[in-house]
Amino acid sequence: DAKPEESFQFERHGYFVADRKDSV
């Protein structure tokens, strides 16, 4: 349910963002 440009820390891996262009 992540919205475009919503950022999260994926535990152990780093910081990730829902792509603002390709996410639906």
PDBML (XML) file of the C-alpha atoms, coordinates in Angstrom:
<?xml version="1.0" encoding="UTF-8" ?>
<PDBx:datablock datablockName="MODEL"
   xmlns:PDBx="http://pdbml.pdb.org/schema/pdbx-v50.xsd"
   xmlns:xsi="http://www.w3.org/2001/XMLSchema-instance"
   xsi:schemaLocation="http://pdbml.pdb.org/schema/pdbx-v50.xsd pdbx-v50.xsd">
   <PDBx:atom_siteCategory>
      <PDBx:atom_site id="1">
         <PDBx:B_iso_or_equiv>0.00</PDBx:B_iso_or_equiv>
         <PDBx:Cartn_x>0.000</PDBx:Cartn_x>
         <PDBx:Cartn_y>0.000</PDBx:Cartn_y>
         <PDBx:Cartn_z>0.000</PDBx:Cartn_z>
         <PDBx:auth_asym_id>A</PDBx:auth_asym_id>
         <PDBx:auth_atom_id>CA</PDBx:auth_atom_id>
         <PDBx:auth_comp_id>ASP</PDBx:auth_comp_id>
         <PDBx:auth_seq_id>1</PDBx:auth_seq_id>
         <PDBx:group_PDB>ATOM</PDBx:group_PDB>
         <PDBx:label_alt_id xsi:nil="true" />
         <PDBx:label_asym_id>A</PDBx:label_asym_id>
         <PDBx:label_atom_id>CA</PDBx:label_atom_id>
         <PDBx:label_comp_id>ASP</PDBx:label_comp_id>
         <PDBx:label_entity_id>1</PDBx:label_entity_id>
         <PDBx:label_seq_id>1</PDBx:label_seq_id>
         <PDBx:occupancy>1.00</PDBx:occupancy>
         <PDBx:pdbx_PDB_model_num>1</PDBx:pdbx_PDB_model_num>
         <PDBx:type_symbol>C</PDBx:type_symbol>
      </PDBx:atom_site>
      <PDBx:atom_site id="2">
         <PDBx:B_iso_or_equiv>0.00</PDBx:B_iso_or_equiv>
         <PDBx:Cartn_x>3.024</PDBx:Cartn_x>
         <PDBx:Cartn_y>2.322</PDBx:Cartn_y>
         <PDBx:Cartn_z>-0.169</PDBx:Cartn_z>
         <PDBx:auth_asym_id>A</PDBx:auth_asym_id>
         <PDBx:auth_atom_id>CA</PDBx:auth_atom_id>
         <PDBx:auth_comp_id>ALA</PDBx:auth_comp_id>
         <PDBx:auth_seq_id>2</PDBx:auth_seq_id>
         <PDBx:group_PDB>ATOM</PDBx:group_PDB>
         <PDBx:label_alt_id xsi:nil="true" />
         <PDBx:label_asym_id>A</PDBx:label_asym_id>
         <PDBx:label_atom_id>CA</PDBx:label_atom_id>
         <PDBx:label_comp_id>ALA</PDBx:label_comp_id>
         <PDBx:label_entity_id>1</PDBx:label_entity_id>
         <PDBx:label_seq_id>2</PDBx:label_seq_id>
         <PDBx:occupancy>1.00</PDBx:occupancy>
         <PDBx:pdbx_PDB_model_num>1</PDBx:pdbx_PDB_model_num>
         <PDBx:type_symbol>C</PDBx:type_symbol>
      </PDBx:atom_site>
      <PDBx:atom_site id="3">
         <PDBx:B_iso_or_equiv>0.00</PDBx:B_iso_or_equiv>
         <PDBx:Cartn_x>2.310</PDBx:Cartn_x>
         <PDBx:Cartn_y>5.565</PDBx:Cartn_y>
         <PDBx:Cartn_z>-2.003</PDBx:Cartn_z>
         <PDBx:auth_asym_id>A</PDBx:auth_asym_id>
         <PDBx:auth_atom_id>CA</PDBx:auth_atom_id>
         <PDBx:auth_comp_id>LYS</PDBx:auth_comp_id>
         <PDBx:auth_seq_id>3</PDBx:auth_seq_id>
         <PDBx:group_PDB>ATOM</PDBx:group_PDB>
         <PDBx:label_alt_id xsi:nil="true" />
         <PDBx:label_asym_id>A</PDBx:label_asym_id>
         <PDBx:label_atom_id>CA</PDBx:label_atom_id>
         <PDBx:label_comp_id>LYS</PDBx:label_comp_id>
         <PDBx:label_entity_id>1</PDBx:label_entity_id>
         <PDBx:label_seq_id>3</PDBx:label_seq_id>
         <PDBx:occupancy>1.00</PDBx:occupancy>
         <PDBx:pdbx_PDB_model_num>1</PDBx:pdbx_PDB_model_num>
         <PDBx:type_symbol>C</PDBx:type_symbol>
      </PDBx:atom_site>
      <PDBx:atom_site id="4">
         <PDBx:B_iso_or_equiv>0.00</PDBx:B_iso_or_equiv>
         <PDBx:Cartn_x>4.672</PDBx:Cartn_x>
         <PDBx:Cartn_y>7.092</PDBx:Cartn_y>
         <PDBx:Cartn_z>-4.576</PDBx:Cartn_z>
         <PDBx:auth_asym_id>A</PDBx:auth_asym_id>
         <PDBx:auth_atom_id>CA</PDBx:auth_atom_id>
         <PDBx:auth_comp_id>PRO</PDBx:auth_comp_id>
         <PDBx:auth_seq_id>4</PDBx:auth_seq_id>
         <PDBx:group_PDB>ATOM</PDBx:group_PDB>
         <PDBx:label_alt_id xsi:nil="true" />
         <PDBx:label_asym_id>A</PDBx:label_asym_id>
         <PDBx:label_atom_id>CA</PDBx:label_atom_id>
         <PDBx:label_comp_id>PRO</PDBx:label_comp_id>
         <PDBx:label_entity_id>1</PDBx:label_entity_id>
         <PDBx:label_seq_id>4</PDBx:label_seq_id>
         <PDBx:occupancy>1.00</PDBx:occupancy>
         <PDBx:pdbx_PDB_model_num>1</PDBx:pdbx_PDB_model_num>
         <PDBx:type_symbol>C</PDBx:type_symbol>
      </PDBx:atom_site>
      <PDBx:atom_site id="5">
         <PDBx:B_iso_or_equiv>0.00</PDBx:B_iso_or_equiv>
         <PDBx:Cartn_x>7.560</PDBx:Cartn_x>
         <PDBx:Cartn_y>8.956</PDBx:Cartn_y>
         <PDBx:Cartn_z>-2.886</PDBx:Cartn_z>
         <PDBx:auth_asym_id>A</PDBx:auth_asym_id>
         <PDBx:auth_atom_id>CA</PDBx:auth_atom_id>
         <PDBx:auth_comp_id>GLU</PDBx:auth_comp_id>
         <PDBx:auth_seq_id>5</PDBx:auth_seq_id>
         <PDBx:group_PDB>ATOM</PDBx:group_PDB>
         <PDBx:label_alt_id xsi:nil="true" />
         <PDBx:label_asym_id>A</PDBx:label_asym_id>
         <PDBx:label_atom_id>CA</PDBx:label_atom_id>
         <PDBx:label_comp_id>GLU</PDBx:label_comp_id>
         <PDBx:label_entity_id>1</PDBx:label_entity_id>
         <PDBx:label_seq_id>5</PDBx:label_seq_id>
         <PDBx:occupancy>1.00</PDBx:occupancy>
         <PDBx:pdbx_PDB_model_num>1</PDBx:pdbx_PDB_model_num>
         <PDBx:type_symbol>C</PDBx:type_symbol>
      </PDBx:atom_site>
      <PDBx:atom_site id="6">
         <PDBx:B_iso_or_equiv>0.00</PDBx:B_iso_or_equiv>
         <PDBx:Cartn_x>6.898</PDBx:Cartn_x>
         <PDBx:Cartn_y>7.277</PDBx:Cartn_y>
         <PDBx:Cartn_z>0.468</PDBx:Cartn_z>
         <PDBx:auth_asym_id>A</PDBx:auth_asym_id>
         <PDBx:auth_atom_id>CA</PDBx:auth_atom_id>
         <PDBx:auth_comp_id>GLU</PDBx:auth_comp_id>
         <PDBx:auth_seq_id>6</PDBx:auth_seq_id>
         <PDBx:group_PDB>ATOM</PDBx:group_PDB>
         <PDBx:label_alt_id xsi:nil="true" />
         <PDBx:label_asym_id>A</PDBx:label_asym_id>
         <PDBx:label_atom_id>CA</PDBx:label_atom_id>
         <PDBx:label_comp_id>GLU</PDBx:label_comp_id>
         <PDBx:label_entity_id>1</PDBx:label_entity_id>
         <PDBx:label_seq_id>6</PDBx:label_seq_id>
         <PDBx:occupancy>1.00</PDBx:occupancy>
         <PDBx:pdbx_PDB_model_num>1</PDBx:pdbx_PDB_model_num>
         <PDBx:type_symbol>C</PDBx:type_symbol>
      </PDBx:atom_site>
      <PDBx:atom_site id="7">
         <PDBx:B_iso_or_equiv>0.00</PDBx:B_iso_or_equiv>
         <PDBx:Cartn_x>10.213</PDBx:Cartn_x>
         <PDBx:Cartn_y>6.289</PDBx:Cartn_y>
         <PDBx:Cartn_z>2.067</PDBx:Cartn_z>
         <PDBx:auth_asym_id>A</PDBx:auth_asym_id>
         <PDBx:auth_atom_id>CA</PDBx:auth_atom_id>
         <PDBx:auth_comp_id>SER</PDBx:auth_comp_id>
         <PDBx:auth_seq_id>7</PDBx:auth_seq_id>
         <PDBx:group_PDB>ATOM</PDBx:group_PDB>
         <PDBx:label_alt_id xsi:nil="true" />
         <PDBx:label_asym_id>A</PDBx:label_asym_id>
         <PDBx:label_atom_id>CA</PDBx:label_atom_id>
         <PDBx:label_comp_id>SER</PDBx:label_comp_id>
         <PDBx:label_entity_id>1</PDBx:label_entity_id>
         <PDBx:label_seq_id>7</PDBx:label_seq_id>
         <PDBx:occupancy>1.00</PDBx:occupancy>
         <PDBx:pdbx_PDB_model_num>1</PDBx:pdbx_PDB_model_num>
         <PDBx:type_symbol>C</PDBx:type_symbol>
      </PDBx:atom_site>
      <PDBx:atom_site id="8">
         <PDBx:B_iso_or_equiv>0.00</PDBx:B_iso_or_equiv>
         <PDBx:Cartn_x>11.053</PDBx:Cartn_x>
         <PDBx:Cartn_y>3.422</PDBx:Cartn_y>
         <PDBx:Cartn_z>4.397</PDBx:Cartn_z>
         <PDBx:auth_asym_id>A</PDBx:auth_asym_id>
         <PDBx:auth_atom_id>CA</PDBx:auth_atom_id>
         <PDBx:auth_comp_id>PHE</PDBx:auth_comp_id>
         <PDBx:auth_seq_id>8</PDBx:auth_seq_id>
         <PDBx:group_PDB>ATOM</PDBx:group_PDB>
         <PDBx:label_alt_id xsi:nil="true" />
         <PDBx:label_asym_id>A</PDBx:label_asym_id>
         <PDBx:label_atom_id>CA</PDBx:label_atom_id>
         <PDBx:label_comp_id>PHE</PDBx:label_comp_id>
         <PDBx:label_entity_id>1</PDBx:label_entity_id>
         <PDBx:label_seq_id>8</PDBx:label_seq_id>
         <PDBx:occupancy>1.00</PDBx:occupancy>
         <PDBx:pdbx_PDB_model_num>1</PDBx:pdbx_PDB_model_num>
         <PDBx:type_symbol>C</PDBx:type_symbol>
      </PDBx:atom_site>
      <PDBx:atom_site id="9">
         <PDBx:B_iso_or_equiv>0.00</PDBx:B_iso_or_equiv>
         <PDBx:Cartn_x>14.052</PDBx:Cartn_x>
         <PDBx:Cartn_y>1.832</PDBx:Cartn_y>
         <PDBx:Cartn_z>6.002</PDBx:Cartn_z>
         <PDBx:auth_asym_id>A</PDBx:auth_asym_id>
         <PDBx:auth_atom_id>CA</PDBx:auth_atom_id>
         <PDBx:auth_comp_id>GLN</PDBx:auth_comp_id>
         <PDBx:auth_seq_id>9</PDBx:auth_seq_id>
         <PDBx:group_PDB>ATOM</PDBx:group_PDB>
         <PDBx:label_alt_id xsi:nil="true" />
         <PDBx:label_asym_id>A</PDBx:label_asym_id>
         <PDBx:label_atom_id>CA</PDBx:label_atom_id>
         <PDBx:label_comp_id>GLN</PDBx:label_comp_id>
         <PDBx:label_entity_id>1</PDBx:label_entity_id>
         <PDBx:label_seq_id>9</PDBx:label_seq_id>
         <PDBx:occupancy>1.00</PDBx:occupancy>
         <PDBx:pdbx_PDB_model_num>1</PDBx:pdbx_PDB_model_num>
         <PDBx:type_symbol>C</PDBx:type_symbol>
      </PDBx:atom_site>
      <PDBx:atom_site id="10">
         <PDBx:B_iso_or_equiv>0.00</PDBx:B_iso_or_equiv>
         <PDBx:Cartn_x>14.196</PDBx:Cartn_x>
         <PDBx:Cartn_y>-1.778</PDBx:Cartn_y>
         <PDBx:Cartn_z>4.873</PDBx:Cartn_z>
         <PDBx:auth_asym_id>A</PDBx:auth_asym_id>
         <PDBx:auth_atom_id>CA</PDBx:auth_atom_id>
         <PDBx:auth_comp_id>PHE</PDBx:auth_comp_id>
         <PDBx:auth_seq_id>10</PDBx:auth_seq_id>
         <PDBx:group_PDB>ATOM</PDBx:group_PDB>
         <PDBx:label_alt_id xsi:nil="true" />
         <PDBx:label_asym_id>A</PDBx:label_asym_id>
         <PDBx:label_atom_id>CA</PDBx:label_atom_id>
         <PDBx:label_comp_id>PHE</PDBx:label_comp_id>
         <PDBx:label_entity_id>1</PDBx:label_entity_id>
         <PDBx:label_seq_id>10</PDBx:label_seq_id>
         <PDBx:occupancy>1.00</PDBx:occupancy>
         <PDBx:pdbx_PDB_model_num>1</PDBx:pdbx_PDB_model_num>
         <PDBx:type_symbol>C</PDBx:type_symbol>
      </PDBx:atom_site>
      <PDBx:atom_site id="11">
         <PDBx:B_iso_or_equiv>0.00</PDBx:B_iso_or_equiv>
         <PDBx:Cartn_x>15.742</PDBx:Cartn_x>
         <PDBx:Cartn_y>-3.322</PDBx:Cartn_y>
         <PDBx:Cartn_z>7.984</PDBx:Cartn_z>
         <PDBx:auth_asym_id>A</PDBx:auth_asym_id>
         <PDBx:auth_atom_id>CA</PDBx:auth_atom_id>
         <PDBx:auth_comp_id>GLU</PDBx:auth_comp_id>
         <PDBx:auth_seq_id>11</PDBx:auth_seq_id>
         <PDBx:group_PDB>ATOM</PDBx:group_PDB>
         <PDBx:label_alt_id xsi:nil="true" />
         <PDBx:label_asym_id>A</PDBx:label_asym_id>
         <PDBx:label_atom_id>CA</PDBx:label_atom_id>
         <PDBx:label_comp_id>GLU</PDBx:label_comp_id>
         <PDBx:label_entity_id>1</PDBx:label_entity_id>
         <PDBx:label_seq_id>11</PDBx:label_seq_id>
         <PDBx:occupancy>1.00</PDBx:occupancy>
         <PDBx:pdbx_PDB_model_num>1</PDBx:pdbx_PDB_model_num>
         <PDBx:type_symbol>C</PDBx:type_symbol>
      </PDBx:atom_site>
      <PDBx:atom_site id="12">
         <PDBx:B_iso_or_equiv>0.00</PDBx:B_iso_or_equiv>
         <PDBx:Cartn_x>19.396</PDBx:Cartn_x>
         <PDBx:Cartn_y>-4.291</PDBx:Cartn_y>
         <PDBx:Cartn_z>7.477</PDBx:Cartn_z>
         <PDBx:auth_asym_id>A</PDBx:auth_asym_id>
         <PDBx:auth_atom_id>CA</PDBx:auth_atom_id>
         <PDBx:auth_comp_id>ARG</PDBx:auth_comp_id>
         <PDBx:auth_seq_id>12</PDBx:auth_seq_id>
         <PDBx:group_PDB>ATOM</PDBx:group_PDB>
         <PDBx:label_alt_id xsi:nil="true" />
         <PDBx:label_asym_id>A</PDBx:label_asym_id>
         <PDBx:label_atom_id>CA</PDBx:label_atom_id>
         <PDBx:label_comp_id>ARG</PDBx:label_comp_id>
         <PDBx:label_entity_id>1</PDBx:label_entity_id>
         <PDBx:label_seq_id>12</PDBx:label_seq_id>
         <PDBx:occupancy>1.00</PDBx:occupancy>
         <PDBx:pdbx_PDB_model_num>1</PDBx:pdbx_PDB_model_num>
         <PDBx:type_symbol>C</PDBx:type_symbol>
      </PDBx:atom_site>
      <PDBx:atom_site id="13">
         <PDBx:B_iso_or_equiv>0.00</PDBx:B_iso_or_equiv>
         <PDBx:Cartn_x>19.373</PDBx:Cartn_x>
         <PDBx:Cartn_y>-3.112</PDBx:Cartn_y>
         <PDBx:Cartn_z>3.856</PDBx:Cartn_z>
         <PDBx:auth_asym_id>A</PDBx:auth_asym_id>
         <PDBx:auth_atom_id>CA</PDBx:auth_atom_id>
         <PDBx:auth_comp_id>HIS</PDBx:auth_comp_id>
         <PDBx:auth_seq_id>13</PDBx:auth_seq_id>
         <PDBx:group_PDB>ATOM</PDBx:group_PDB>
         <PDBx:label_alt_id xsi:nil="true" />
         <PDBx:label_asym_id>A</PDBx:label_asym_id>
         <PDBx:label_atom_id>CA</PDBx:label_atom_id>
         <PDBx:label_comp_id>HIS</PDBx:label_comp_id>
         <PDBx:label_entity_id>1</PDBx:label_entity_id>
         <PDBx:label_seq_id>13</PDBx:label_seq_id>
         <PDBx:occupancy>1.00</PDBx:occupancy>
         <PDBx:pdbx_PDB_model_num>1</PDBx:pdbx_PDB_model_num>
         <PDBx:type_symbol>C</PDBx:type_symbol>
      </PDBx:atom_site>
      <PDBx:atom_site id="14">
         <PDBx:B_iso_or_equiv>0.00</PDBx:B_iso_or_equiv>
         <PDBx:Cartn_x>19.038</PDBx:Cartn_x>
         <PDBx:Cartn_y>0.674</PDBx:Cartn_y>
         <PDBx:Cartn_z>3.722</PDBx:Cartn_z>
         <PDBx:auth_asym_id>A</PDBx:auth_asym_id>
         <PDBx:auth_atom_id>CA</PDBx:auth_atom_id>
         <PDBx:auth_comp_id>GLY</PDBx:auth_comp_id>
         <PDBx:auth_seq_id>14</PDBx:auth_seq_id>
         <PDBx:group_PDB>ATOM</PDBx:group_PDB>
         <PDBx:label_alt_id xsi:nil="true" />
         <PDBx:label_asym_id>A</PDBx:label_asym_id>
         <PDBx:label_atom_id>CA</PDBx:label_atom_id>
         <PDBx:label_comp_id>GLY</PDBx:label_comp_id>
         <PDBx:label_entity_id>1</PDBx:label_entity_id>
         <PDBx:label_seq_id>14</PDBx:label_seq_id>
         <PDBx:occupancy>1.00</PDBx:occupancy>
         <PDBx:pdbx_PDB_model_num>1</PDBx:pdbx_PDB_model_num>
         <PDBx:type_symbol>C</PDBx:type_symbol>
      </PDBx:atom_site>
      <PDBx:atom_site id="15">
         <PDBx:B_iso_or_equiv>0.00</PDBx:B_iso_or_equiv>
         <PDBx:Cartn_x>16.523</PDBx:Cartn_x>
         <PDBx:Cartn_y>3.325</PDBx:Cartn_y>
         <PDBx:Cartn_z>2.769</PDBx:Cartn_z>
         <PDBx:auth_asym_id>A</PDBx:auth_asym_id>
         <PDBx:auth_atom_id>CA</PDBx:auth_atom_id>
         <PDBx:auth_comp_id>TYR</PDBx:auth_comp_id>
         <PDBx:auth_seq_id>15</PDBx:auth_seq_id>
         <PDBx:group_PDB>ATOM</PDBx:group_PDB>
         <PDBx:label_alt_id xsi:nil="true" />
         <PDBx:label_asym_id>A</PDBx:label_asym_id>
         <PDBx:label_atom_id>CA</PDBx:label_atom_id>
         <PDBx:label_comp_id>TYR</PDBx:label_comp_id>
         <PDBx:label_entity_id>1</PDBx:label_entity_id>
         <PDBx:label_seq_id>15</PDBx:label_seq_id>
         <PDBx:occupancy>1.00</PDBx:occupancy>
         <PDBx:pdbx_PDB_model_num>1</PDBx:pdbx_PDB_model_num>
         <PDBx:type_symbol>C</PDBx:type_symbol>
      </PDBx:atom_site>
      <PDBx:atom_site id="16">
         <PDBx:B_iso_or_equiv>0.00</PDBx:B_iso_or_equiv>
         <PDBx:Cartn_x>14.101</PDBx:Cartn_x>
         <PDBx:Cartn_y>2.819</PDBx:Cartn_y>
         <PDBx:Cartn_z>-0.097</PDBx:Cartn_z>
         <PDBx:auth_asym_id>A</PDBx:auth_asym_id>
         <PDBx:auth_atom_id>CA</PDBx:auth_atom_id>
         <PDBx:auth_comp_id>PHE</PDBx:auth_comp_id>
         <PDBx:auth_seq_id>16</PDBx:auth_seq_id>
         <PDBx:group_PDB>ATOM</PDBx:group_PDB>
         <PDBx:label_alt_id xsi:nil="true" />
         <PDBx:label_asym_id>A</PDBx:label_asym_id>
         <PDBx:label_atom_id>CA</PDBx:label_atom_id>
         <PDBx:label_comp_id>PHE</PDBx:label_comp_id>
         <PDBx:label_entity_id>1</PDBx:label_entity_id>
         <PDBx:label_seq_id>16</PDBx:label_seq_id>
         <PDBx:occupancy>1.00</PDBx:occupancy>
         <PDBx:pdbx_PDB_model_num>1</PDBx:pdbx_PDB_model_num>
         <PDBx:type_symbol>C</PDBx:type_symbol>
      </PDBx:atom_site>
      <PDBx:atom_site id="17">
         <PDBx:B_iso_or_equiv>0.00</PDBx:B_iso_or_equiv>
         <PDBx:Cartn_x>11.416</PDBx:Cartn_x>
         <PDBx:Cartn_y>4.923</PDBx:Cartn_y>
         <PDBx:Cartn_z>-1.751</PDBx:Cartn_z>
         <PDBx:auth_asym_id>A</PDBx:auth_asym_id>
         <PDBx:auth_atom_id>CA</PDBx:auth_atom_id>
         <PDBx:auth_comp_id>VAL</PDBx:auth_comp_id>
         <PDBx:auth_seq_id>17</PDBx:auth_seq_id>
         <PDBx:group_PDB>ATOM</PDBx:group_PDB>
         <PDBx:label_alt_id xsi:nil="true" />
         <PDBx:label_asym_id>A</PDBx:label_asym_id>
         <PDBx:label_atom_id>CA</PDBx:label_atom_id>
         <PDBx:label_comp_id>VAL</PDBx:label_comp_id>
         <PDBx:label_entity_id>1</PDBx:label_entity_id>
         <PDBx:label_seq_id>17</PDBx:label_seq_id>
         <PDBx:occupancy>1.00</PDBx:occupancy>
         <PDBx:pdbx_PDB_model_num>1</PDBx:pdbx_PDB_model_num>
         <PDBx:type_symbol>C</PDBx:type_symbol>
      </PDBx:atom_site>
      <PDBx:atom_site id="18">
         <PDBx:B_iso_or_equiv>0.00</PDBx:B_iso_or_equiv>
         <PDBx:Cartn_x>8.348</PDBx:Cartn_x>
         <PDBx:Cartn_y>3.996</PDBx:Cartn_y>
         <PDBx:Cartn_z>-3.778</PDBx:Cartn_z>
         <PDBx:auth_asym_id>A</PDBx:auth_asym_id>
         <PDBx:auth_atom_id>CA</PDBx:auth_atom_id>
         <PDBx:auth_comp_id>ALA</PDBx:auth_comp_id>
         <PDBx:auth_seq_id>18</PDBx:auth_seq_id>
         <PDBx:group_PDB>ATOM</PDBx:group_PDB>
         <PDBx:label_alt_id xsi:nil="true" />
         <PDBx:label_asym_id>A</PDBx:label_asym_id>
         <PDBx:label_atom_id>CA</PDBx:label_atom_id>
         <PDBx:label_comp_id>ALA</PDBx:label_comp_id>
         <PDBx:label_entity_id>1</PDBx:label_entity_id>
         <PDBx:label_seq_id>18</PDBx:label_seq_id>
         <PDBx:occupancy>1.00</PDBx:occupancy>
         <PDBx:pdbx_PDB_model_num>1</PDBx:pdbx_PDB_model_num>
         <PDBx:type_symbol>C</PDBx:type_symbol>
      </PDBx:atom_site>
      <PDBx:atom_site id="19">
         <PDBx:B_iso_or_equiv>0.00</PDBx:B_iso_or_equiv>
         <PDBx:Cartn_x>9.177</PDBx:Cartn_x>
         <PDBx:Cartn_y>5.196</PDBx:Cartn_y>
         <PDBx:Cartn_z>-7.286</PDBx:Cartn_z>
         <PDBx:auth_asym_id>A</PDBx:auth_asym_id>
         <PDBx:auth_atom_id>CA</PDBx:auth_atom_id>
         <PDBx:auth_comp_id>ASP</PDBx:auth_comp_id>
         <PDBx:auth_seq_id>19</PDBx:auth_seq_id>
         <PDBx:group_PDB>ATOM</PDBx:group_PDB>
         <PDBx:label_alt_id xsi:nil="true" />
         <PDBx:label_asym_id>A</PDBx:label_asym_id>
         <PDBx:label_atom_id>CA</PDBx:label_atom_id>
         <PDBx:label_comp_id>ASP</PDBx:label_comp_id>
         <PDBx:label_entity_id>1</PDBx:label_entity_id>
         <PDBx:label_seq_id>19</PDBx:label_seq_id>
         <PDBx:occupancy>1.00</PDBx:occupancy>
         <PDBx:pdbx_PDB_model_num>1</PDBx:pdbx_PDB_model_num>
         <PDBx:type_symbol>C</PDBx:type_symbol>
      </PDBx:atom_site>
      <PDBx:atom_site id="20">
         <PDBx:B_iso_or_equiv>0.00</PDBx:B_iso_or_equiv>
         <PDBx:Cartn_x>7.168</PDBx:Cartn_x>
         <PDBx:Cartn_y>8.321</PDBx:Cartn_y>
         <PDBx:Cartn_z>-8.122</PDBx:Cartn_z>
         <PDBx:auth_asym_id>A</PDBx:auth_asym_id>
         <PDBx:auth_atom_id>CA</PDBx:auth_atom_id>
         <PDBx:auth_comp_id>ARG</PDBx:auth_comp_id>
         <PDBx:auth_seq_id>20</PDBx:auth_seq_id>
         <PDBx:group_PDB>ATOM</PDBx:group_PDB>
         <PDBx:label_alt_id xsi:nil="true" />
         <PDBx:label_asym_id>A</PDBx:label_asym_id>
         <PDBx:label_atom_id>CA</PDBx:label_atom_id>
         <PDBx:label_comp_id>ARG</PDBx:label_comp_id>
         <PDBx:label_entity_id>1</PDBx:label_entity_id>
         <PDBx:label_seq_id>20</PDBx:label_seq_id>
         <PDBx:occupancy>1.00</PDBx:occupancy>
         <PDBx:pdbx_PDB_model_num>1</PDBx:pdbx_PDB_model_num>
         <PDBx:type_symbol>C</PDBx:type_symbol>
      </PDBx:atom_site>
      <PDBx:atom_site id="21">
         <PDBx:B_iso_or_equiv>0.00</PDBx:B_iso_or_equiv>
         <PDBx:Cartn_x>6.960</PDBx:Cartn_x>
         <PDBx:Cartn_y>7.449</PDBx:Cartn_y>
         <PDBx:Cartn_z>-11.820</PDBx:Cartn_z>
         <PDBx:auth_asym_id>A</PDBx:auth_asym_id>
         <PDBx:auth_atom_id>CA</PDBx:auth_atom_id>
         <PDBx:auth_comp_id>LYS</PDBx:auth_comp_id>
         <PDBx:auth_seq_id>21</PDBx:auth_seq_id>
         <PDBx:group_PDB>ATOM</PDBx:group_PDB>
         <PDBx:label_alt_id xsi:nil="true" />
         <PDBx:label_asym_id>A</PDBx:label_asym_id>
         <PDBx:label_atom_id>CA</PDBx:label_atom_id>
         <PDBx:label_comp_id>LYS</PDBx:label_comp_id>
         <PDBx:label_entity_id>1</PDBx:label_entity_id>
         <PDBx:label_seq_id>21</PDBx:label_seq_id>
         <PDBx:occupancy>1.00</PDBx:occupancy>
         <PDBx:pdbx_PDB_model_num>1</PDBx:pdbx_PDB_model_num>
         <PDBx:type_symbol>C</PDBx:type_symbol>
      </PDBx:atom_site>
      <PDBx:atom_site id="22">
         <PDBx:B_iso_or_equiv>0.00</PDBx:B_iso_or_equiv>
         <PDBx:Cartn_x>6.532</PDBx:Cartn_x>
         <PDBx:Cartn_y>3.672</PDBx:Cartn_y>
         <PDBx:Cartn_z>-12.131</PDBx:Cartn_z>
         <PDBx:auth_asym_id>A</PDBx:auth_asym_id>
         <PDBx:auth_atom_id>CA</PDBx:auth_atom_id>
         <PDBx:auth_comp_id>ASP</PDBx:auth_comp_id>
         <PDBx:auth_seq_id>22</PDBx:auth_seq_id>
         <PDBx:group_PDB>ATOM</PDBx:group_PDB>
         <PDBx:label_alt_id xsi:nil="true" />
         <PDBx:label_asym_id>A</PDBx:label_asym_id>
         <PDBx:label_atom_id>CA</PDBx:label_atom_id>
         <PDBx:label_comp_id>ASP</PDBx:label_comp_id>
         <PDBx:label_entity_id>1</PDBx:label_entity_id>
         <PDBx:label_seq_id>22</PDBx:label_seq_id>
         <PDBx:occupancy>1.00</PDBx:occupancy>
         <PDBx:pdbx_PDB_model_num>1</PDBx:pdbx_PDB_model_num>
         <PDBx:type_symbol>C</PDBx:type_symbol>
      </PDBx:atom_site>
      <PDBx:atom_site id="23">
         <PDBx:B_iso_or_equiv>0.00</PDBx:B_iso_or_equiv>
         <PDBx:Cartn_x>4.576</PDBx:Cartn_x>
         <PDBx:Cartn_y>2.858</PDBx:Cartn_y>
         <PDBx:Cartn_z>-8.977</PDBx:Cartn_z>
         <PDBx:auth_asym_id>A</PDBx:auth_asym_id>
         <PDBx:auth_atom_id>CA</PDBx:auth_atom_id>
         <PDBx:auth_comp_id>SER</PDBx:auth_comp_id>
         <PDBx:auth_seq_id>23</PDBx:auth_seq_id>
         <PDBx:group_PDB>ATOM</PDBx:group_PDB>
         <PDBx:label_alt_id xsi:nil="true" />
         <PDBx:label_asym_id>A</PDBx:label_asym_id>
         <PDBx:label_atom_id>CA</PDBx:label_atom_id>
         <PDBx:label_comp_id>SER</PDBx:label_comp_id>
         <PDBx:label_entity_id>1</PDBx:label_entity_id>
         <PDBx:label_seq_id>23</PDBx:label_seq_id>
         <PDBx:occupancy>1.00</PDBx:occupancy>
         <PDBx:pdbx_PDB_model_num>1</PDBx:pdbx_PDB_model_num>
         <PDBx:type_symbol>C</PDBx:type_symbol>
      </PDBx:atom_site>
      <PDBx:atom_site id="24">
         <PDBx:B_iso_or_equiv>0.00</PDBx:B_iso_or_equiv>
         <PDBx:Cartn_x>0.832</PDBx:Cartn_x>
         <PDBx:Cartn_y>2.254</PDBx:Cartn_y>
         <PDBx:Cartn_z>-9.301</PDBx:Cartn_z>
         <PDBx:auth_asym_id>A</PDBx:auth_asym_id>
         <PDBx:auth_atom_id>CA</PDBx:auth_atom_id>
         <PDBx:auth_comp_id>VAL</PDBx:auth_comp_id>
         <PDBx:auth_seq_id>24</PDBx:auth_seq_id>
         <PDBx:group_PDB>ATOM</PDBx:group_PDB>
         <PDBx:label_alt_id xsi:nil="true" />
         <PDBx:label_asym_id>A</PDBx:label_asym_id>
         <PDBx:label_atom_id>CA</PDBx:label_atom_id>
         <PDBx:label_comp_id>VAL</PDBx:label_comp_id>
         <PDBx:label_entity_id>1</PDBx:label_entity_id>
         <PDBx:label_seq_id>24</PDBx:label_seq_id>
         <PDBx:occupancy>1.00</PDBx:occupancy>
         <PDBx:pdbx_PDB_model_num>1</PDBx:pdbx_PDB_model_num>
         <PDBx:type_symbol>C</PDBx:type_symbol>
      </PDBx:atom_site>
   </PDBx:atom_siteCategory>
</PDBx:datablock>
